[in-house]
Protein backbone atom coordinates (compact mmCIF):
# COMPACT_ATOMS: atom_id res chain seq x y z
CA MET A 1 -7.06 -19.20 -8.17
CA MET A 2 -9.28 -18.49 -5.17
CA LYS A 3 -12.88 -17.57 -5.83
CA PRO A 4 -13.33 -13.96 -4.73
CA GLY A 5 -15.50 -13.39 -1.71
CA PRO A 6 -15.14 -10.42 0.62
CA SER A 7 -12.14 -8.26 -0.25
CA VAL A 8 -8.71 -9.10 1.09
CA LEU A 9 -8.69 -5.82 2.97
CA ARG A 10 -11.96 -6.57 4.77
CA GLU A 11 -10.79 -10.09 5.62
CA PHE A 12 -7.57 -8.70 7.05
CA LEU A 13 -9.33 -6.01 9.08
CA ALA A 14 -11.66 -8.67 10.48
CA GLY A 15 -8.80 -9.94 12.59
CA GLN A 16 -6.34 -11.87 10.42
CA ALA A 17 -3.10 -10.71 12.03
CA GLY A 18 -1.33 -13.98 11.25
CA SER A 19 1.01 -12.50 8.67
CA ALA A 20 2.28 -9.92 11.14
CA VAL A 21 2.91 -12.63 13.72
CA LEU A 22 4.72 -14.77 11.14
CA LEU A 23 6.86 -11.80 10.09
CA MET A 24 7.77 -11.18 13.73
CA ILE A 25 8.77 -14.84 14.15
CA ALA A 26 10.88 -14.76 10.96
CA ALA A 27 12.65 -11.56 12.03
CA SER A 28 13.29 -12.96 15.52
CA LEU A 29 14.69 -16.17 14.03
CA ALA A 30 17.02 -14.13 11.81
CA MET A 31 18.25 -12.15 14.84
CA LEU A 32 18.78 -15.37 16.77
CA LEU A 33 20.72 -17.13 14.02
CA ALA A 34 22.82 -14.03 13.28
CA ASN A 35 23.93 -13.84 16.91
CA LEU A 36 24.46 -17.50 17.84
CA PRO A 37 28.21 -18.23 17.74
CA ALA A 38 27.63 -21.55 15.99
CA ALA A 39 25.04 -20.25 13.53
CA GLY A 40 26.14 -16.71 12.63
CA HIS A 41 28.28 -17.78 9.67
CA PHE A 42 25.60 -20.24 8.55
CA TYR A 43 22.97 -17.47 8.44
CA HIS A 44 25.12 -15.04 6.45
CA ASP A 45 26.39 -17.78 4.12
CA LEU A 46 22.80 -18.91 3.53
CA ILE A 47 21.33 -15.55 2.53
CA HIS A 48 24.33 -14.69 0.34
CA ALA A 49 24.60 -18.09 -1.33
CA GLU A 50 24.65 -17.91 -5.14
CA LEU A 51 21.50 -19.40 -6.62
CA GLY A 52 21.39 -18.48 -10.25
CA PRO A 53 22.85 -16.79 -13.30
CA VAL A 54 24.09 -13.24 -13.79
CA LEU A 55 20.94 -11.43 -14.96
CA THR A 56 22.69 -8.07 -15.05
CA PRO A 57 26.37 -7.18 -14.51
CA LYS A 58 25.32 -4.48 -12.03
CA LEU A 59 24.12 -7.12 -9.57
CA GLY A 60 26.46 -9.99 -10.42
CA PRO A 61 25.43 -13.58 -9.67
CA MET A 62 21.94 -13.85 -8.20
CA THR A 63 22.03 -14.77 -4.51
CA VAL A 64 19.28 -15.85 -2.12
CA HIS A 65 19.20 -12.28 -0.84
CA LEU A 66 18.86 -10.80 -4.35
CA TRP A 67 16.17 -13.26 -5.40
CA ILE A 68 14.14 -12.28 -2.32
CA ASN A 69 14.73 -8.51 -2.42
CA ASP A 70 14.64 -7.99 -6.19
CA GLY A 71 12.51 -10.96 -7.25
CA LEU A 72 9.94 -12.06 -4.68
CA MET A 73 9.44 -8.51 -3.40
CA ALA A 74 8.28 -7.54 -6.91
CA ILE A 75 5.28 -9.81 -6.22
CA PHE A 76 4.76 -8.04 -2.90
CA PHE A 77 4.77 -4.72 -4.76
CA LEU A 78 2.34 -6.20 -7.30
CA LEU A 79 -0.06 -6.78 -4.41
CA VAL A 80 0.60 -3.25 -3.13
CA GLY A 81 -0.28 -1.90 -6.58
CA LEU A 82 -3.45 -3.99 -6.77
CA GLU A 83 -4.56 -2.71 -3.37
CA ILE A 84 -3.82 0.89 -4.35
CA LYS A 85 -5.82 0.59 -7.58
CA ARG A 86 -8.73 -1.17 -5.87
CA GLU A 87 -8.93 1.36 -3.04
CA PHE A 88 -8.88 4.32 -5.45
CA LEU A 89 -11.46 2.85 -7.83
CA ASP A 90 -13.64 0.59 -5.68
CA GLY A 91 -12.80 1.14 -2.02
CA GLY A 92 -12.22 3.56 0.80
CA LEU A 93 -10.35 6.08 -1.37
CA SER A 94 -12.82 6.13 -4.28
CA THR A 95 -14.00 9.72 -3.68
CA TRP A 96 -12.10 12.91 -2.98
CA GLU A 97 -13.92 13.32 0.35
CA ARG A 98 -12.57 9.94 1.46
CA ARG A 99 -9.09 10.60 0.10
CA ARG A 100 -8.55 14.05 1.55
CA LEU A 101 -7.58 13.26 5.15
CA PRO A 102 -5.53 10.09 4.46
CA ILE A 103 -3.54 11.91 1.75
CA ILE A 104 -2.85 14.89 4.03
CA ALA A 105 -1.85 12.59 6.91
CA ALA A 106 0.33 10.36 4.73
CA ILE A 107 2.22 13.29 3.17
CA ALA A 108 2.86 14.87 6.57
CA GLY A 109 3.78 11.41 7.88
CA MET A 110 6.51 11.15 5.25
CA VAL A 111 7.82 14.73 5.29
CA VAL A 112 8.17 15.19 9.07
CA PRO A 113 10.13 11.93 9.68
CA ALA A 114 12.48 12.86 6.83
CA LEU A 115 13.04 16.29 8.40
CA VAL A 116 13.65 14.72 11.81
CA TYR A 117 16.20 12.35 10.25
CA LEU A 118 18.02 15.13 8.41
CA THR A 119 18.06 17.28 11.57
CA VAL A 120 19.50 14.50 13.74
CA THR A 121 22.11 13.49 11.16
CA GLY A 122 23.17 17.12 10.89
CA GLY A 123 23.31 17.20 7.12
CA GLN A 124 26.19 14.73 6.89
CA ALA A 125 26.61 14.08 3.16
CA GLU A 126 27.33 10.36 3.54
CA LEU A 127 24.07 9.87 5.49
CA ALA A 128 21.80 12.12 3.40
CA ASP A 129 20.53 9.27 1.19
CA GLY A 130 18.86 7.67 4.20
CA TRP A 131 16.24 10.42 4.58
CA ALA A 132 13.43 8.19 3.24
CA ILE A 133 14.05 5.27 5.62
CA PRO A 134 11.74 6.54 8.42
CA ALA A 135 9.11 7.77 5.93
CA ALA A 136 7.51 4.32 5.41
CA THR A 137 4.84 2.47 7.41
CA ASP A 138 4.60 -1.33 7.67
CA ILE A 139 0.89 -1.93 7.07
CA ALA A 140 0.96 -5.59 8.17
CA PHE A 141 2.56 -4.86 11.55
CA ALA A 142 0.46 -1.75 12.24
CA ILE A 143 -2.85 -3.44 11.35
CA GLY A 144 -1.69 -6.54 13.25
CA VAL A 145 -1.28 -4.52 16.45
CA LEU A 146 -4.70 -2.92 15.94
CA ALA A 147 -6.20 -6.37 15.42
CA LEU A 148 -4.76 -7.51 18.75
CA LEU A 149 -6.59 -4.63 20.43
CA GLY A 150 -10.00 -5.92 19.35
CA ASP A 151 -12.82 -3.43 20.04
CA ARG A 152 -10.43 -1.07 21.84
CA ALA A 153 -9.76 0.31 18.36
CA PRO A 154 -12.89 1.25 16.37
CA ALA A 155 -13.24 -0.06 12.82
CA SER A 156 -13.02 3.49 11.45
CA LEU A 157 -9.53 3.81 12.95
CA LYS A 158 -8.39 0.59 11.27
CA LEU A 159 -9.77 1.76 7.94
CA PHE A 160 -8.12 5.15 8.31
CA LEU A 161 -4.74 3.63 9.19
CA THR A 162 -5.04 1.33 6.18
CA ALA A 163 -5.83 4.26 3.89
CA VAL A 164 -2.88 6.27 5.24
CA ALA A 165 -0.57 3.26 4.78
CA ILE A 166 -1.76 2.73 1.19
CA VAL A 167 -1.05 6.37 0.28
CA ASP A 168 2.26 6.00 2.15
CA ASP A 169 3.06 2.99 -0.05
CA MET A 170 2.44 5.10 -3.15
CA GLY A 171 4.94 7.64 -1.86
CA ALA A 172 7.48 4.92 -1.05
CA VAL A 173 7.22 3.45 -4.55
CA ALA A 174 7.70 6.90 -6.09
CA ILE A 175 10.76 7.49 -3.90
CA ILE A 176 12.26 4.12 -4.87
CA ALA A 177 11.70 4.82 -8.57
CA LEU A 178 12.90 8.43 -8.59
CA VAL A 179 15.55 8.61 -5.86
CA TYR A 180 17.17 5.19 -5.67
CA THR A 181 17.74 4.70 -9.39
CA GLN A 182 21.28 4.70 -10.76
CA GLY A 183 22.88 4.34 -14.21
CA LEU A 184 19.82 4.06 -16.44
CA ASP A 185 19.96 1.73 -19.43
CA LEU A 186 17.73 3.62 -21.85
CA ALA A 187 17.28 0.66 -24.23
CA ALA A 188 16.00 -1.57 -21.43
CA LEU A 189 13.82 1.25 -20.13
CA ALA A 190 12.32 1.71 -23.60
CA GLY A 191 11.64 -2.03 -23.74
CA ALA A 192 9.90 -1.86 -20.37
CA ALA A 193 7.78 1.05 -21.61
CA ALA A 194 6.81 -0.98 -24.69
CA VAL A 195 5.75 -3.98 -22.58
CA LEU A 196 3.74 -1.70 -20.30
CA ALA A 197 2.04 -0.14 -23.34
CA VAL A 198 1.07 -3.61 -24.60
CA MET A 199 -0.38 -4.49 -21.19
CA LEU A 200 -2.39 -1.26 -21.14
CA GLY A 201 -3.57 -2.06 -24.67
CA MET A 202 -4.78 -5.50 -23.51
CA ASN A 203 -6.75 -3.78 -20.76
CA ARG A 204 -8.40 -1.39 -23.22
CA ALA A 205 -9.12 -4.29 -25.59
CA GLY A 206 -11.06 -6.06 -22.83
CA VAL A 207 -8.62 -8.92 -22.20
CA LYS A 208 -9.63 -10.44 -18.84
CA ALA A 209 -7.49 -13.61 -18.77
CA LEU A 210 -4.72 -13.19 -16.20
CA ILE A 211 -2.03 -15.29 -17.92
CA PRO A 212 -1.13 -12.64 -20.57
CA TYR A 213 -0.77 -10.01 -17.84
CA LEU A 214 1.41 -12.28 -15.70
CA ILE A 215 3.68 -12.97 -18.70
CA GLY A 216 3.86 -9.21 -19.27
CA PHE A 217 4.69 -8.71 -15.57
CA ALA A 218 7.62 -11.17 -15.83
CA LEU A 219 8.99 -9.41 -18.93
CA LEU A 220 8.50 -6.00 -17.34
CA TRP A 221 10.36 -7.16 -14.20
CA TYR A 222 13.36 -8.40 -16.20
CA LEU A 223 13.58 -5.22 -18.30
CA MET A 224 13.28 -3.02 -15.20
CA LEU A 225 16.06 -5.08 -13.61
CA LEU A 226 18.27 -4.33 -16.61
CA SER A 227 17.24 -0.66 -16.79
CA GLY A 228 18.63 0.48 -13.45
CA VAL A 229 15.20 1.32 -11.97
CA HIS A 230 14.62 -1.01 -9.05
CA ALA A 231 12.91 -4.12 -10.39
CA THR A 232 10.19 -4.14 -7.72
CA VAL A 233 8.64 -1.04 -9.30
CA ALA A 234 7.52 -3.39 -12.08
CA GLY A 235 5.02 -4.90 -9.66
CA VAL A 236 3.17 -1.62 -9.11
CA LEU A 237 3.25 -0.70 -12.81
CA ALA A 238 1.90 -4.11 -13.81
CA ALA A 239 -0.89 -3.85 -11.23
CA MET A 240 -2.10 -0.62 -12.82
CA THR A 241 -2.83 -2.52 -16.05
CA ILE A 242 -4.98 -5.28 -14.50
CA PRO A 243 -8.69 -4.80 -15.35
CA ILE A 244 -11.14 -4.30 -12.49
CA ARG A 245 -14.93 -4.54 -12.31
CA CYS A 246 -16.05 -2.14 -9.63
CA THR A 247 -18.72 -3.27 -7.16
CA PRO A 248 -19.14 -0.34 -4.72
CA GLY A 249 -20.47 -1.46 -1.35
CA ALA A 250 -20.74 -5.10 -2.46
CA PRO A 251 -18.51 -8.19 -2.28
CA ASP A 252 -15.77 -8.44 -4.88
CA ALA A 253 -16.93 -9.48 -8.35
CA VAL A 254 -16.17 -13.07 -9.33
CA ASP A 255 -15.32 -11.97 -12.88
CA SER A 256 -13.06 -9.07 -11.86
CA PRO A 257 -9.45 -9.93 -12.86
CA LEU A 258 -7.96 -7.57 -10.28
CA HIS A 259 -9.94 -9.04 -7.43
CA ARG A 260 -9.12 -12.60 -8.53
CA LEU A 261 -5.40 -11.84 -8.76
CA GLU A 262 -5.40 -10.02 -5.44
CA HIS A 263 -7.05 -12.94 -3.69
CA GLY A 264 -4.61 -15.34 -5.34
CA VAL A 265 -1.45 -13.35 -4.52
CA HIS A 266 -2.30 -12.21 -1.00
CA PRO A 267 -1.70 -15.50 0.89
CA TRP A 268 1.65 -16.03 -0.87
CA SER A 269 2.74 -12.49 -0.11
CA ALA A 270 1.54 -12.38 3.49
CA TYR A 271 2.59 -15.86 4.61
CA LEU A 272 5.68 -16.54 2.49
CA ILE A 273 7.25 -13.57 0.72
CA VAL A 274 7.12 -10.97 3.50
CA PRO A 275 8.32 -13.39 6.21
CA LEU A 276 11.17 -14.49 3.89
CA PHE A 277 12.07 -10.84 3.39
CA GLY A 278 12.09 -10.31 7.15
CA PHE A 279 14.28 -13.38 7.65
CA ALA A 280 16.76 -12.27 4.98
CA ASN A 281 17.01 -8.65 6.11
CA ALA A 282 16.49 -8.47 9.87
CA GLY A 283 19.58 -10.44 10.88
CA LEU A 284 21.37 -7.66 12.78
CA THR A 285 24.48 -8.94 14.55
CA LEU A 286 24.44 -7.57 18.10
CA ASN A 287 27.84 -6.90 19.62
CA ALA A 288 29.57 -4.20 21.62
CA GLN A 289 30.31 -2.22 18.47
CA VAL A 290 26.66 -2.26 17.37
CA PHE A 291 25.34 -1.32 20.82
CA GLY A 292 27.88 1.48 20.98
CA ALA A 293 26.70 2.78 17.61
CA LEU A 294 22.96 2.82 18.39
CA LEU A 295 23.20 6.45 19.47
CA ALA A 296 25.19 7.41 16.37
CA PRO A 297 23.47 9.93 14.05
CA LEU A 298 22.21 7.37 11.50
CA PRO A 299 20.38 4.89 13.79
CA LEU A 300 19.23 7.67 16.10
CA GLY A 301 17.90 9.70 13.16
CA VAL A 302 15.98 6.69 11.81
CA ALA A 303 14.60 5.74 15.24
CA LEU A 304 13.47 9.27 16.12
CA GLY A 305 12.12 9.78 12.61
CA LEU A 306 9.89 6.73 13.02
CA PHE A 307 8.90 7.26 16.64
CA LEU A 308 8.58 11.06 16.84
CA GLY A 309 8.33 12.12 13.21
CA LYS A 310 5.45 9.81 12.33
CA GLN A 311 3.28 10.66 15.32
CA ILE A 312 3.94 14.41 15.03
CA GLY A 313 3.34 14.46 11.28
CA ILE A 314 0.22 12.30 11.19
CA PHE A 315 -1.50 13.40 14.38
CA GLY A 316 -0.57 17.03 13.83
CA SER A 317 -1.89 17.08 10.27
CA VAL A 318 -5.16 15.35 11.27
CA TRP A 319 -5.67 17.82 14.13
CA ILE A 320 -4.95 20.86 11.92
CA ALA A 321 -7.12 19.56 9.04
CA THR A 322 -10.00 18.97 11.46
CA ARG A 323 -9.65 22.36 13.12
CA LEU A 324 -9.59 24.11 9.74
CA GLY A 325 -12.68 22.19 8.58
CA ILE A 326 -10.81 20.52 5.73
CA ALA A 327 -11.82 17.04 6.90
CA GLU A 328 -13.46 15.23 9.81
CA ARG A 329 -11.88 12.99 12.40
CA PRO A 330 -12.45 9.24 11.86
CA THR A 331 -15.95 8.31 13.03
CA ALA A 332 -16.28 6.98 16.62
CA ALA A 333 -12.56 7.58 17.35
CA ASN A 334 -11.49 10.04 20.04
CA TRP A 335 -8.32 12.11 19.88
CA THR A 336 -6.35 9.79 22.14
CA GLN A 337 -7.14 6.87 19.85
CA VAL A 338 -6.10 8.90 16.79
CA TYR A 339 -2.82 9.68 18.56
CA GLY A 340 -2.28 5.99 19.33
CA MET A 341 -2.93 5.15 15.67
CA ALA A 342 -0.37 7.79 14.64
CA MET A 343 2.15 6.10 16.94
CA LEU A 344 1.54 2.74 15.27
CA CYS A 345 2.34 4.32 11.90
CA GLY A 346 5.90 4.59 13.21
CA ILE A 347 6.27 0.82 12.68
CA GLY A 348 8.31 0.97 9.51
CA PHE A 349 9.80 -2.50 9.52
CA THR A 350 9.41 -4.05 6.04
CA MET A 351 9.43 -0.93 3.84
CA SER A 352 12.08 0.80 5.98
CA LEU A 353 14.41 -2.21 5.76
CA PHE A 354 13.86 -2.29 2.01
CA ILE A 355 14.65 1.42 1.56
CA GLY A 356 17.60 1.16 3.96
CA ALA A 357 19.27 -1.45 1.76
CA LEU A 358 18.76 0.79 -1.29
CA ALA A 359 20.02 3.95 0.44
CA PHE A 360 23.49 2.61 1.30
CA PRO A 361 24.28 -0.09 -1.30
CA GLY A 362 28.04 0.27 -0.93
CA SER A 363 28.28 0.24 2.86
CA ALA A 364 27.34 -2.83 4.89
CA LEU A 365 28.11 -0.89 8.09
CA LEU A 366 25.60 1.87 7.32
CA VAL A 367 22.96 -0.70 6.34
CA GLU A 368 23.48 -2.43 9.71
CA GLU A 369 23.25 0.89 11.55
CA ALA A 370 20.01 1.66 9.68
CA LYS A 371 18.64 -1.74 10.73
CA GLY A 372 19.38 -0.90 14.36
CA GLY A 373 17.49 2.39 14.07
CA ILE A 374 14.56 0.72 12.30
CA LEU A 375 14.26 -1.92 15.00
CA MET A 376 14.47 0.67 17.80
CA GLY A 377 11.96 3.06 16.25
CA SER A 378 9.52 0.34 15.16
CA LEU A 379 9.59 -1.45 18.52
CA ALA A 380 9.11 1.80 20.46
CA SER A 381 6.22 2.82 18.19
CA ALA A 382 4.51 -0.57 18.49
CA LEU A 383 4.80 -0.75 22.28
CA ALA A 384 3.83 2.88 22.91
CA GLY A 385 0.89 2.72 20.50
CA TYR A 386 -0.37 -0.56 21.98
CA VAL A 387 -0.10 0.65 25.58
CA LEU A 388 -1.85 3.93 24.77
CA LEU A 389 -4.73 2.25 22.94
CA ARG A 390 -5.05 -0.72 25.31
CA TRP A 391 -4.85 0.88 28.75
CA ILE A 392 -4.98 4.68 28.44
CA ALA A 393 -7.27 5.69 25.59
CA PRO A 394 -10.96 5.86 26.63
CA THR A 395 -13.20 3.69 24.51
CA THR A 396 -15.93 5.26 22.40
CA ARG A 397 -19.36 3.77 21.88
């Protein structure tokens, strides 16, 4: 396990955009393989190849795709949970004054895109479950773009975007647990609750060794998989039980289990798990039928939800909150820069792809259409936000 130094968040904000670049490469490779005549079948056969036993009859034999989406992504959500807990107890969201504006912006940034999606899709019943797809922000991509801008984006803007994305992640996890859960197995759910109670008991008893918590995480994941609640939720629940030693304004404590686990998991998540997820889920086959469907209600609703809904919701809520005196604008950031940051929040790649697969589990066609909308909306948000912050927004000193 790595020895904790500065927090993972501070290291990332210092300019480590490598994970975003790697994710982009993995997604591009998936698109390339899915569309090469000689490799298209190889790509689809690879990600759907059976790799293990039947863990639950609902899923059938475990495939490469299932192991990544339901297995490895639970570790990604474990990291998300660790970051949420750290920020609320020992970071930028540790006081209500610091939480107020990011929470307002994140809620508006989830509600408005959902409303845009539902408006564009016209209330079609078969598309209604996709309302949450444009509500998510990909923190790695968004922070990666800000990192590429260097001092064109003040540090306060990067911290604010990170805080909004963390609150956004909390909303996404709640949506996954409450909305995309089907056919609950109450016995398995009770077992998961018992394991979680034991893990919380270990925390209260002062257990600081990580191994017992990791064993509990594995058991919790399996029981959640059986229960019908998406197994990745186990990652966030497990993270809430990991002990933390708060060190406000100082480097992370060497003897803090949460900080040690976060430092240990982060490289695996950023440089292996998330790129693998992008490779397994971004392989959209481009053909005349797909191009013809890009202006269909589903992809158009997702794209406009990400591109318009995010910037309207986030920028609008920040502007209103500031005008009403509820909160203050991020320090040293002008309104044009705040607007550019709101645009970047429309990059919903990883979380949007994840929710898209959950929203339409019985329709490969709708999942593909959702992918097209996610790619359009995320690309437009990234390019528009970068251009605005790089060449249009005045710098502040």
